[in-house]
Amino acid sequence: MDQTETKLRFPSSFWSANVTELFERAAYYAMASFVVIYLGQLGFGDYWPSFINSSVLWFLVYFLPLLSGTIADQIGFKRALLLAFVVLASGYFLMGYPVWFGGATLSPIISSQVTVGTSVVVPIAVAVLLIGIGGSFVKPCIAGTVQKTAGARKTLGFAIFYMIINIGSLVGRFISYNVRKTPGFDLSIIFAVSLVAAVVAFFVVAFAYKDPDLEMGITEKKPTKSIGEILVGMVKVLGNARFAMFLLVSSGFYFIYNQVYNLLPLYTKKTVELSPAMDIYTAANPFVIVTCQLLITKAFGKLPPIKSIFIGIGIIGASMLINIVPLYLSGGVTAMVGNLLPLGSLFIMLSVAMIAFGELFNSSRLYEYIGSLSPKGQEGLFQGYANLPMAIGSIIGGPAGAWLFNAVMCKGATKLPSGLLRLDPHQATLGWVVLALFGFASAFSMFLYNRWLKRQEA
């Protein structure tokens, strides 16, 4: 093998990092679509499940990398990943513990009242913290490995990384679905799937992963930041008015994206079918991304980043409106489509697919646009805050989504003998329209922000 061919190959740590990412994403998305339903069936009531899932778990996963990435730099990626998967496996175990060993039972109907006791609250609270903390270490370590090992082919390297994320998401969902449907298992089994995937990822890191610095022969250690320096950097970044405003405006996209794992599961479980296959329905998101990413990039890749982001936010707003259609069709949301699934669930799946198209226009161009906003010489510092819009959208999205569903959509609803709610179509329509208008307002605010930015530069 000649030297040129050797240089074109990705090193082994690149591939082992991507395999690790595949199992980590499989673990997370094996349970992600059902967290609010599971917590509701445990007895956390109408509002706590969304708060716990979104404002705590998702917020930790997307905010803590600002700190955990620094810790990973100091102790080494391999040690950080091994620690992360021990923490994650413990968290997934504790999520299932109340049902497996604590004597808790899952109610088929989600009650509006909080009936859960301390014996359930404590392990669930610890579990959510562990999953959030453990998950926050994985992304900076894997992305950092790709950055260090891809060399001149970083574009290809990160394209592979992004593809692996979505393949892992699909794998986790479909394994979870097949295990969950096995007779004798209840919904808590999804956390066993997540636990096994996290353990497999641990062994991949232990036996196949090498610290990229060692493999690439990098002996010079770059200076690492202290926690104090990170906090100073945070003040510097958020003190930049135009960048802080961008973070706030762009969080509108993630506010609606967050509803895929909060409002949509609640809506489907409470009004469409008692045992919704949310893992399969939400699989429309990674499926669209895997199959359409290259097509969208080729067709629209030359659009200016701000226009692409604007289109993405507009699409995600429109994705909410299509759920109005089955409310007024014969049989309503529970009418069966070819004896396969209810009409309401079909439109939920279509909604998730549309959100994925919005994500393809938005997320892929976010880093590029942030680069244009960053002061010269501080590009790396500002790129480190690229996940902050997701954290902002999550901390607000969970409680707001739960309120919108329970207080707006369910107003005037009647309870059917099956246990499902029959919504007043006008109230349900109002809820979907509010979400869509929020998306459109977010897109318009991004347009106004860009115009303001150009005037500032002029």
Protein backbone atom coordinates (compact mmCIF):
# COMPACT_ATOMS: atom_id res chain seq x y z
CA MET A 1 0.00 0.00 0.00
CA ASP A 2 1.54 3.33 -1.04
CA GLN A 3 1.85 6.37 1.20
CA THR A 4 -0.88 8.35 -0.61
CA GLU A 5 -3.47 5.61 -0.05
CA THR A 6 -2.48 5.38 3.62
CA LYS A 7 -3.01 9.12 4.07
CA LEU A 8 -6.50 8.88 2.58
CA ARG A 9 -7.63 6.29 5.08
CA PHE A 10 -9.31 7.28 8.32
CA PRO A 11 -7.45 5.89 11.37
CA SER A 12 -9.01 3.19 13.55
CA SER A 13 -10.03 5.63 16.30
CA PHE A 14 -12.22 7.47 13.79
CA TRP A 15 -14.18 4.28 13.06
CA SER A 16 -14.33 3.02 16.64
CA ALA A 17 -15.58 6.47 17.70
CA ASN A 18 -18.37 6.29 15.13
CA VAL A 19 -19.33 2.76 16.20
CA THR A 20 -19.43 4.04 19.78
CA GLU A 21 -21.68 6.91 18.68
CA LEU A 22 -23.98 4.46 16.91
CA PHE A 23 -24.57 2.47 20.11
CA GLU A 24 -24.89 5.61 22.25
CA ARG A 25 -27.55 7.05 19.94
CA ALA A 26 -29.27 3.65 19.78
CA ALA A 27 -29.39 3.64 23.59
CA TYR A 28 -30.80 7.16 23.83
CA TYR A 29 -33.43 6.89 21.11
CA ALA A 30 -34.56 3.44 22.21
CA MET A 31 -36.27 5.25 25.09
CA ALA A 32 -36.53 8.92 24.01
CA SER A 33 -39.92 8.69 22.29
CA PHE A 34 -41.57 7.17 25.36
CA VAL A 35 -40.10 9.05 28.34
CA VAL A 36 -43.11 11.37 28.83
CA ILE A 37 -45.54 8.47 28.37
CA TYR A 38 -43.60 6.22 30.78
CA LEU A 39 -43.42 8.93 33.46
CA GLY A 40 -47.12 9.66 32.98
CA GLN A 41 -47.99 5.98 33.43
CA LEU A 42 -45.86 5.89 36.59
CA GLY A 43 -48.06 8.64 38.06
CA PHE A 44 -46.20 11.92 37.47
CA GLY A 45 -49.37 13.63 36.24
CA ASP A 46 -49.93 15.99 33.32
CA TYR A 47 -47.02 18.41 33.61
CA TRP A 48 -44.06 16.83 35.43
CA PRO A 49 -43.18 14.30 32.66
CA SER A 50 -42.55 17.04 30.09
CA PHE A 51 -40.62 19.15 32.59
CA ILE A 52 -38.41 16.21 33.62
CA ASN A 53 -37.81 15.06 30.04
CA SER A 54 -37.24 18.43 28.42
CA SER A 55 -36.29 21.08 30.97
CA VAL A 56 -33.97 18.72 32.87
CA LEU A 57 -32.78 15.81 30.70
CA TRP A 58 -32.54 17.53 27.30
CA PHE A 59 -31.22 20.74 28.87
CA LEU A 60 -28.39 18.85 30.60
CA VAL A 61 -27.48 16.94 27.43
CA TYR A 62 -27.16 20.13 25.37
CA PHE A 63 -25.88 22.61 27.96
CA LEU A 64 -23.35 20.59 29.96
CA PRO A 65 -20.96 19.88 27.02
CA LEU A 66 -19.65 23.41 27.64
CA LEU A 67 -18.21 22.02 30.89
CA SER A 68 -17.88 18.28 30.23
CA GLY A 69 -15.90 18.89 27.03
CA THR A 70 -13.24 20.64 29.10
CA ILE A 71 -13.13 17.80 31.63
CA ALA A 72 -12.77 15.30 28.76
CA ASP A 73 -9.80 17.28 27.41
CA GLN A 74 -8.13 17.10 30.82
CA ILE A 75 -8.62 13.40 31.59
CA GLY A 76 -8.47 12.12 28.00
CA PHE A 77 -11.29 11.10 25.67
CA LYS A 78 -11.03 7.37 26.40
CA ARG A 79 -11.35 7.77 30.17
CA ALA A 80 -14.14 10.29 29.71
CA LEU A 81 -16.09 7.91 27.45
CA LEU A 82 -15.63 4.93 29.78
CA LEU A 83 -16.89 7.08 32.67
CA ALA A 84 -19.76 8.36 30.53
CA PHE A 85 -21.05 4.89 29.67
CA VAL A 86 -20.86 3.69 33.27
CA VAL A 87 -22.93 6.74 34.25
CA LEU A 88 -25.35 6.23 31.34
CA ALA A 89 -25.83 2.51 32.06
CA SER A 90 -26.55 3.36 35.71
CA GLY A 91 -29.07 5.99 34.62
CA TYR A 92 -30.93 3.63 32.27
CA PHE A 93 -31.01 0.98 35.00
CA LEU A 94 -32.51 3.43 37.50
CA MET A 95 -35.15 4.52 34.97
CA GLY A 96 -36.49 0.97 34.88
CA TYR A 97 -35.81 0.20 38.56
CA PRO A 98 -39.19 1.36 39.98
CA VAL A 99 -41.00 -1.20 37.78
CA TRP A 100 -38.37 -3.97 37.79
CA PHE A 101 -37.55 -4.02 41.51
CA GLY A 102 -39.52 -1.25 43.23
CA GLY A 103 -43.01 -2.71 42.89
CA ALA A 104 -44.34 0.17 40.76
CA THR A 105 -46.91 -0.58 38.06
CA LEU A 106 -47.63 1.24 34.84
CA SER A 107 -51.17 2.51 34.48
CA PRO A 108 -52.60 2.06 30.96
CA ILE A 109 -54.19 5.52 31.29
CA ILE A 110 -52.20 8.64 32.16
CA SER A 111 -53.89 10.36 35.09
CA SER A 112 -53.86 14.13 35.42
CA GLN A 113 -53.10 13.77 39.13
CA VAL A 114 -49.64 13.23 40.63
CA THR A 115 -49.85 9.90 42.45
CA VAL A 116 -46.18 8.92 42.50
CA GLY A 117 -44.34 8.40 45.79
CA THR A 118 -40.79 8.97 47.02
CA SER A 119 -39.74 5.41 46.18
CA VAL A 120 -40.29 6.24 42.50
CA VAL A 121 -39.36 9.93 42.45
CA VAL A 122 -35.85 9.42 43.88
CA PRO A 123 -34.55 6.78 41.42
CA ILE A 124 -36.15 8.60 38.46
CA ALA A 125 -34.62 11.94 39.51
CA VAL A 126 -31.17 10.37 39.90
CA ALA A 127 -31.60 8.49 36.61
CA VAL A 128 -32.41 11.65 34.66
CA LEU A 129 -29.40 13.46 36.13
CA LEU A 130 -27.09 10.54 35.31
CA ILE A 131 -28.34 10.21 31.72
CA GLY A 132 -28.01 13.97 31.20
CA ILE A 133 -24.49 14.12 32.68
CA GLY A 134 -23.29 10.95 30.93
CA GLY A 135 -24.74 12.00 27.58
CA SER A 136 -23.06 15.40 27.80
CA PHE A 137 -19.62 13.77 27.71
CA VAL A 138 -20.19 11.65 24.62
CA LYS A 139 -20.77 14.27 21.94
CA PRO A 140 -17.65 16.41 22.60
CA CYS A 141 -15.49 13.28 22.81
CA ILE A 142 -16.78 11.70 19.59
CA ALA A 143 -16.95 14.98 17.66
CA GLY A 144 -13.49 15.84 18.99
CA THR A 145 -12.15 12.50 17.76
CA VAL A 146 -13.59 13.10 14.29
CA GLN A 147 -12.07 16.59 14.29
CA LYS A 148 -8.62 15.30 15.25
CA THR A 149 -8.51 12.23 12.99
CA ALA A 150 -10.25 13.36 9.79
CA GLY A 151 -7.36 15.56 8.71
CA ALA A 152 -8.02 17.39 5.45
CA ARG A 153 -11.23 15.42 4.93
CA LYS A 154 -13.20 16.95 7.79
CA THR A 155 -16.25 17.55 5.59
CA LEU A 156 -16.47 13.85 4.73
CA GLY A 157 -15.61 12.86 8.29
CA PHE A 158 -18.43 14.90 9.81
CA ALA A 159 -20.84 13.77 7.09
CA ILE A 160 -20.13 10.16 8.13
CA PHE A 161 -20.51 11.14 11.79
CA TYR A 162 -23.89 12.80 11.14
CA MET A 163 -25.05 9.77 9.14
CA ILE A 164 -24.00 7.40 11.94
CA ILE A 165 -26.00 9.45 14.46
CA ASN A 166 -29.18 8.92 12.45
CA ILE A 167 -28.47 5.26 11.70
CA GLY A 168 -27.98 4.66 15.43
CA SER A 169 -31.24 6.49 16.07
CA LEU A 170 -33.06 4.18 13.63
CA VAL A 171 -31.42 1.03 15.02
CA GLY A 172 -32.32 1.91 18.62
CA ARG A 173 -35.94 2.64 17.76
CA PHE A 174 -36.51 -0.57 15.78
CA ILE A 175 -34.80 -2.82 18.34
CA SER A 176 -36.80 -1.13 21.09
CA TYR A 177 -40.02 -1.65 19.13
CA ASN A 178 -39.40 -5.37 18.55
CA VAL A 179 -38.40 -6.04 22.14
CA ARG A 180 -41.26 -3.94 23.50
CA LYS A 181 -43.81 -5.88 21.45
CA THR A 182 -42.61 -9.23 22.85
CA PRO A 183 -45.39 -10.82 24.96
CA GLY A 184 -44.79 -10.49 28.69
CA PHE A 185 -42.89 -7.20 28.54
CA ASP A 186 -44.21 -3.76 29.47
CA LEU A 187 -42.96 -0.32 28.45
CA SER A 188 -40.13 -0.37 31.00
CA ILE A 189 -38.26 -2.89 28.84
CA ILE A 190 -37.09 -0.03 26.61
CA PHE A 191 -34.65 0.99 29.35
CA ALA A 192 -33.18 -2.53 29.31
CA VAL A 193 -32.51 -2.05 25.58
CA SER A 194 -30.83 1.29 26.35
CA LEU A 195 -28.83 -0.30 29.16
CA VAL A 196 -27.53 -3.10 26.91
CA ALA A 197 -26.58 -0.64 24.15
CA ALA A 198 -24.68 1.52 26.67
CA VAL A 199 -22.81 -1.55 27.98
CA VAL A 200 -21.88 -2.56 24.41
CA ALA A 201 -20.61 0.99 23.78
CA PHE A 202 -18.50 0.74 26.96
CA PHE A 203 -16.77 -2.40 25.67
CA VAL A 204 -16.23 -0.87 22.22
CA VAL A 205 -14.40 2.01 23.92
CA ALA A 206 -12.50 -0.29 26.28
CA PHE A 207 -11.18 -2.67 23.61
CA ALA A 208 -11.28 -0.83 20.27
CA TYR A 209 -11.04 2.92 20.89
CA LYS A 210 -7.71 4.72 21.15
CA ASP A 211 -7.22 8.29 22.28
CA PRO A 212 -6.85 10.23 19.02
CA ASP A 213 -3.82 12.16 20.26
CA LEU A 214 -1.96 8.90 20.88
CA GLU A 215 -2.94 7.37 17.54
CA MET A 216 -2.11 10.50 15.57
CA GLY A 217 1.22 10.92 17.40
CA ILE A 218 0.28 14.24 18.97
CA THR A 219 2.53 14.69 22.00
CA GLU A 220 2.10 18.41 22.53
CA LYS A 221 -0.74 19.07 24.92
CA LYS A 222 -2.89 22.07 24.15
CA PRO A 223 -3.69 24.26 27.14
CA THR A 224 -7.02 23.34 28.69
CA LYS A 225 -9.51 25.75 30.15
CA SER A 226 -10.49 25.84 33.79
CA ILE A 227 -14.10 26.07 34.87
CA GLY A 228 -13.47 29.71 35.70
CA GLU A 229 -12.17 30.38 32.20
CA ILE A 230 -15.26 28.70 30.74
CA LEU A 231 -17.51 30.98 32.79
CA VAL A 232 -15.52 34.02 31.64
CA GLY A 233 -15.88 32.80 28.04
CA MET A 234 -19.61 32.41 28.58
CA VAL A 235 -19.85 36.03 29.72
CA LYS A 236 -17.81 37.08 26.67
CA VAL A 237 -20.04 35.15 24.25
CA LEU A 238 -23.36 36.13 25.80
CA GLY A 239 -22.11 39.70 26.17
CA ASN A 240 -21.93 39.87 22.39
CA ALA A 241 -25.38 41.35 21.74
CA ARG A 242 -25.81 40.18 18.17
CA PHE A 243 -24.75 36.62 18.99
CA ALA A 244 -26.91 36.43 22.14
CA MET A 245 -29.87 37.66 20.07
CA PHE A 246 -29.16 35.00 17.45
CA LEU A 247 -29.15 32.26 20.10
CA LEU A 248 -32.52 33.45 21.36
CA VAL A 249 -34.09 33.78 17.90
CA SER A 250 -32.82 30.41 16.63
CA SER A 251 -34.08 28.61 19.74
CA GLY A 252 -37.60 28.92 18.29
CA PHE A 253 -36.83 26.09 15.87
CA TYR A 254 -35.80 23.80 18.71
CA PHE A 255 -38.81 24.81 20.80
CA ILE A 256 -41.02 23.14 18.18
CA TYR A 257 -38.56 20.31 17.47
CA ASN A 258 -38.73 19.49 21.17
CA GLN A 259 -42.46 18.79 20.84
CA VAL A 260 -41.63 15.61 18.87
CA TYR A 261 -40.67 14.08 22.23
CA ASN A 262 -43.15 15.93 24.44
CA LEU A 263 -46.46 17.13 22.99
CA LEU A 264 -46.69 14.61 20.11
CA PRO A 265 -46.36 11.50 22.34
CA LEU A 266 -48.90 12.91 24.82
CA TYR A 267 -51.33 13.81 22.04
CA THR A 268 -51.05 10.37 20.42
CA LYS A 269 -51.27 8.42 23.68
CA LYS A 270 -54.21 10.37 25.11
CA THR A 271 -56.33 11.05 22.05
CA VAL A 272 -55.43 8.63 19.21
CA GLU A 273 -54.47 5.17 20.54
CA LEU A 274 -53.75 3.67 23.96
CA SER A 275 -50.53 1.91 22.87
CA PRO A 276 -48.93 4.12 20.21
CA ALA A 277 -45.77 2.94 18.45
CA MET A 278 -44.00 6.25 19.08
CA ASP A 279 -40.61 4.68 18.42
CA ILE A 280 -41.73 3.79 14.88
CA TYR A 281 -43.63 7.04 14.29
CA THR A 282 -40.69 9.23 15.34
CA ALA A 283 -38.32 7.05 13.25
CA ALA A 284 -39.63 9.10 10.32
CA ASN A 285 -37.17 11.81 11.46
CA PRO A 286 -33.87 9.91 11.09
CA PHE A 287 -35.23 7.98 8.07
CA VAL A 288 -35.85 11.22 6.15
CA ILE A 289 -32.46 12.60 7.16
CA VAL A 290 -30.56 9.45 6.11
CA THR A 291 -32.37 9.13 2.77
CA CYS A 292 -32.69 12.80 1.81
CA GLN A 293 -29.61 14.52 3.23
CA LEU A 294 -27.52 14.31 0.06
CA LEU A 295 -30.49 15.29 -2.13
CA ILE A 296 -31.30 18.41 -0.08
CA THR A 297 -27.63 19.37 0.13
CA LYS A 298 -27.19 19.04 -3.63
CA ALA A 299 -30.40 20.91 -4.49
CA PHE A 300 -30.25 23.70 -1.88
CA GLY A 301 -26.66 23.69 -0.60
CA LYS A 302 -25.85 26.93 -2.43
CA LEU A 303 -28.54 28.90 -0.61
CA PRO A 304 -27.15 31.51 1.80
CA PRO A 305 -27.18 30.07 5.34
CA ILE A 306 -29.74 32.57 6.64
CA LYS A 307 -32.19 31.72 3.83
CA SER A 308 -31.75 28.01 4.49
CA ILE A 309 -32.36 28.51 8.22
CA PHE A 310 -35.41 30.67 7.47
CA ILE A 311 -36.88 27.93 5.22
CA GLY A 312 -36.16 25.27 7.86
CA ILE A 313 -37.99 27.17 10.59
CA GLY A 314 -40.91 27.82 8.24
CA ILE A 315 -41.17 24.11 7.40
CA ILE A 316 -41.19 23.06 11.04
CA GLY A 317 -43.97 25.57 11.74
CA ALA A 318 -46.05 24.23 8.84
CA SER A 319 -45.48 20.67 10.06
CA MET A 320 -47.78 21.34 13.01
CA LEU A 321 -50.69 22.47 10.82
CA ILE A 322 -51.15 19.15 9.01
CA ASN A 323 -52.37 17.57 12.26
CA ILE A 324 -55.54 19.63 11.92
CA VAL A 325 -56.64 17.60 8.87
CA PRO A 326 -57.70 14.33 10.61
CA LEU A 327 -59.71 16.28 13.21
CA TYR A 328 -62.34 17.03 10.55
CA LEU A 329 -62.25 13.86 8.45
CA SER A 330 -64.83 11.09 8.81
CA GLY A 331 -64.07 9.02 11.91
CA GLY A 332 -61.66 11.61 13.27
CA VAL A 333 -58.16 10.84 14.53
CA THR A 334 -59.06 7.28 15.60
CA ALA A 335 -60.31 6.17 12.16
CA MET A 336 -58.19 3.24 10.98
CA VAL A 337 -56.09 3.46 7.81
CA GLY A 338 -56.12 0.07 6.12
CA ASN A 339 -56.30 -1.74 9.49
CA LEU A 340 -52.70 -0.65 10.08
CA LEU A 341 -52.77 2.48 12.23
CA PRO A 342 -55.13 5.29 13.23
CA LEU A 343 -55.43 8.32 10.97
CA GLY A 344 -54.15 10.61 13.71
CA SER A 345 -50.98 8.53 14.08
CA LEU A 346 -50.38 8.63 10.32
CA PHE A 347 -50.48 12.42 10.38
CA ILE A 348 -48.21 12.51 13.44
CA MET A 349 -45.70 10.47 11.41
CA LEU A 350 -46.05 12.85 8.46
CA SER A 351 -45.54 15.77 10.83
CA VAL A 352 -42.31 14.23 12.17
CA ALA A 353 -41.11 13.66 8.57
CA MET A 354 -41.74 17.33 7.73
CA ILE A 355 -39.81 18.36 10.85
CA ALA A 356 -36.88 16.31 9.55
CA PHE A 357 -36.92 18.29 6.29
CA GLY A 358 -36.88 21.47 8.35
CA GLU A 359 -33.92 20.11 10.28
CA LEU A 360 -32.02 19.40 7.04
CA PHE A 361 -32.41 23.05 6.02
CA ASN A 362 -31.69 24.46 9.48
CA SER A 363 -29.24 22.39 11.49
CA SER A 364 -26.75 21.75 8.71
CA ARG A 365 -26.26 25.49 8.12
CA LEU A 366 -26.30 26.63 11.74
CA TYR A 367 -22.55 26.20 12.30
CA GLU A 368 -21.78 28.03 9.06
CA TYR A 369 -23.91 31.00 10.10
CA ILE A 370 -22.41 31.08 13.60
CA GLY A 371 -18.97 31.23 11.97
CA SER A 372 -20.03 34.39 10.14
CA LEU A 373 -21.18 35.98 13.42
CA SER A 374 -18.03 35.13 15.39
CA PRO A 375 -15.39 37.84 15.96
CA LYS A 376 -12.13 37.10 14.19
CA GLY A 377 -9.92 34.85 16.28
CA GLN A 378 -12.84 33.69 18.48
CA GLU A 379 -14.53 31.30 16.02
CA GLY A 380 -13.82 28.23 18.16
CA LEU A 381 -15.16 29.88 21.32
CA PHE A 382 -18.41 30.87 19.62
CA GLN A 383 -18.86 27.49 17.86
CA GLY A 384 -18.79 25.88 21.28
CA TYR A 385 -22.15 27.51 21.98
CA ALA A 386 -23.85 26.11 18.88
CA ASN A 387 -25.93 23.72 21.01
CA LEU A 388 -27.21 26.48 23.27
CA PRO A 389 -30.34 27.14 21.11
CA MET A 390 -31.32 23.49 21.65
CA ALA A 391 -30.82 23.91 25.40
CA ILE A 392 -32.94 27.09 25.43
CA GLY A 393 -35.65 25.50 23.28
CA SER A 394 -35.70 22.45 25.56
CA ILE A 395 -35.93 24.23 28.90
CA ILE A 396 -38.94 26.22 27.64
CA GLY A 397 -40.42 23.67 25.24
CA GLY A 398 -41.32 20.95 27.74
CA PRO A 399 -43.49 22.98 30.15
CA ALA A 400 -44.96 25.10 27.33
CA GLY A 401 -45.83 22.02 25.25
CA ALA A 402 -47.47 20.30 28.23
CA TRP A 403 -49.50 23.43 28.99
CA LEU A 404 -50.54 23.83 25.36
CA PHE A 405 -51.77 20.23 25.20
CA ASN A 406 -53.46 19.99 28.60
CA ALA A 407 -54.86 23.50 28.99
CA VAL A 408 -55.64 24.40 25.37
CA MET A 409 -56.09 21.26 23.26
CA CYS A 410 -57.85 19.25 25.97
CA LYS A 411 -60.22 22.05 27.02
CA GLY A 412 -63.80 20.76 26.71
CA ALA A 413 -62.63 17.21 25.87
CA THR A 414 -64.84 14.21 26.72
CA LYS A 415 -63.54 10.89 27.97
CA LEU A 416 -64.48 7.86 25.87
CA PRO A 417 -65.18 4.37 27.33
CA SER A 418 -61.82 3.25 25.90
CA GLY A 419 -60.03 5.79 28.10
CA LEU A 420 -59.07 8.05 25.19
CA LEU A 421 -60.05 11.71 25.08
CA ARG A 422 -62.25 13.06 22.32
CA LEU A 423 -61.01 16.59 21.76
CA ASP A 424 -63.14 19.51 20.75
CA PRO A 425 -61.87 19.96 17.14
CA HIS A 426 -61.83 23.75 17.49
CA GLN A 427 -59.73 23.63 20.67
CA ALA A 428 -57.35 21.09 19.16
CA THR A 429 -57.07 23.23 16.04
CA LEU A 430 -56.26 26.24 18.20
CA GLY A 431 -53.39 24.32 19.82
CA TRP A 432 -51.86 23.28 16.49
CA VAL A 433 -52.28 26.80 15.08
CA VAL A 434 -50.54 28.33 18.12
CA LEU A 435 -47.56 26.01 17.58
CA ALA A 436 -47.46 26.80 13.87
CA LEU A 437 -47.69 30.55 14.50
CA PHE A 438 -44.83 30.27 16.96
CA GLY A 439 -42.76 28.65 14.22
CA PHE A 440 -43.71 31.29 11.64
CA ALA A 441 -43.02 34.08 14.15
CA SER A 442 -39.63 32.52 14.84
CA ALA A 443 -38.86 32.40 11.10
CA PHE A 444 -39.97 36.03 10.70
CA SER A 445 -37.88 37.11 13.68
CA MET A 446 -34.86 35.41 12.06
CA PHE A 447 -35.57 37.42 8.88
CA LEU A 448 -35.80 40.67 10.88
CA TYR A 449 -32.66 39.77 12.81
CA ASN A 450 -30.69 39.26 9.59
CA ARG A 451 -31.89 42.62 8.22
CA TRP A 452 -30.90 44.31 11.49
CA LEU A 453 -27.50 42.62 11.34
CA LYS A 454 -26.84 43.88 7.82
CA ARG A 455 -27.70 47.43 8.88
CA GLN A 456 -25.33 47.13 11.83
CA GLU A 457 -22.53 45.97 9.55
CA ALA A 458 -23.26 48.76 7.09
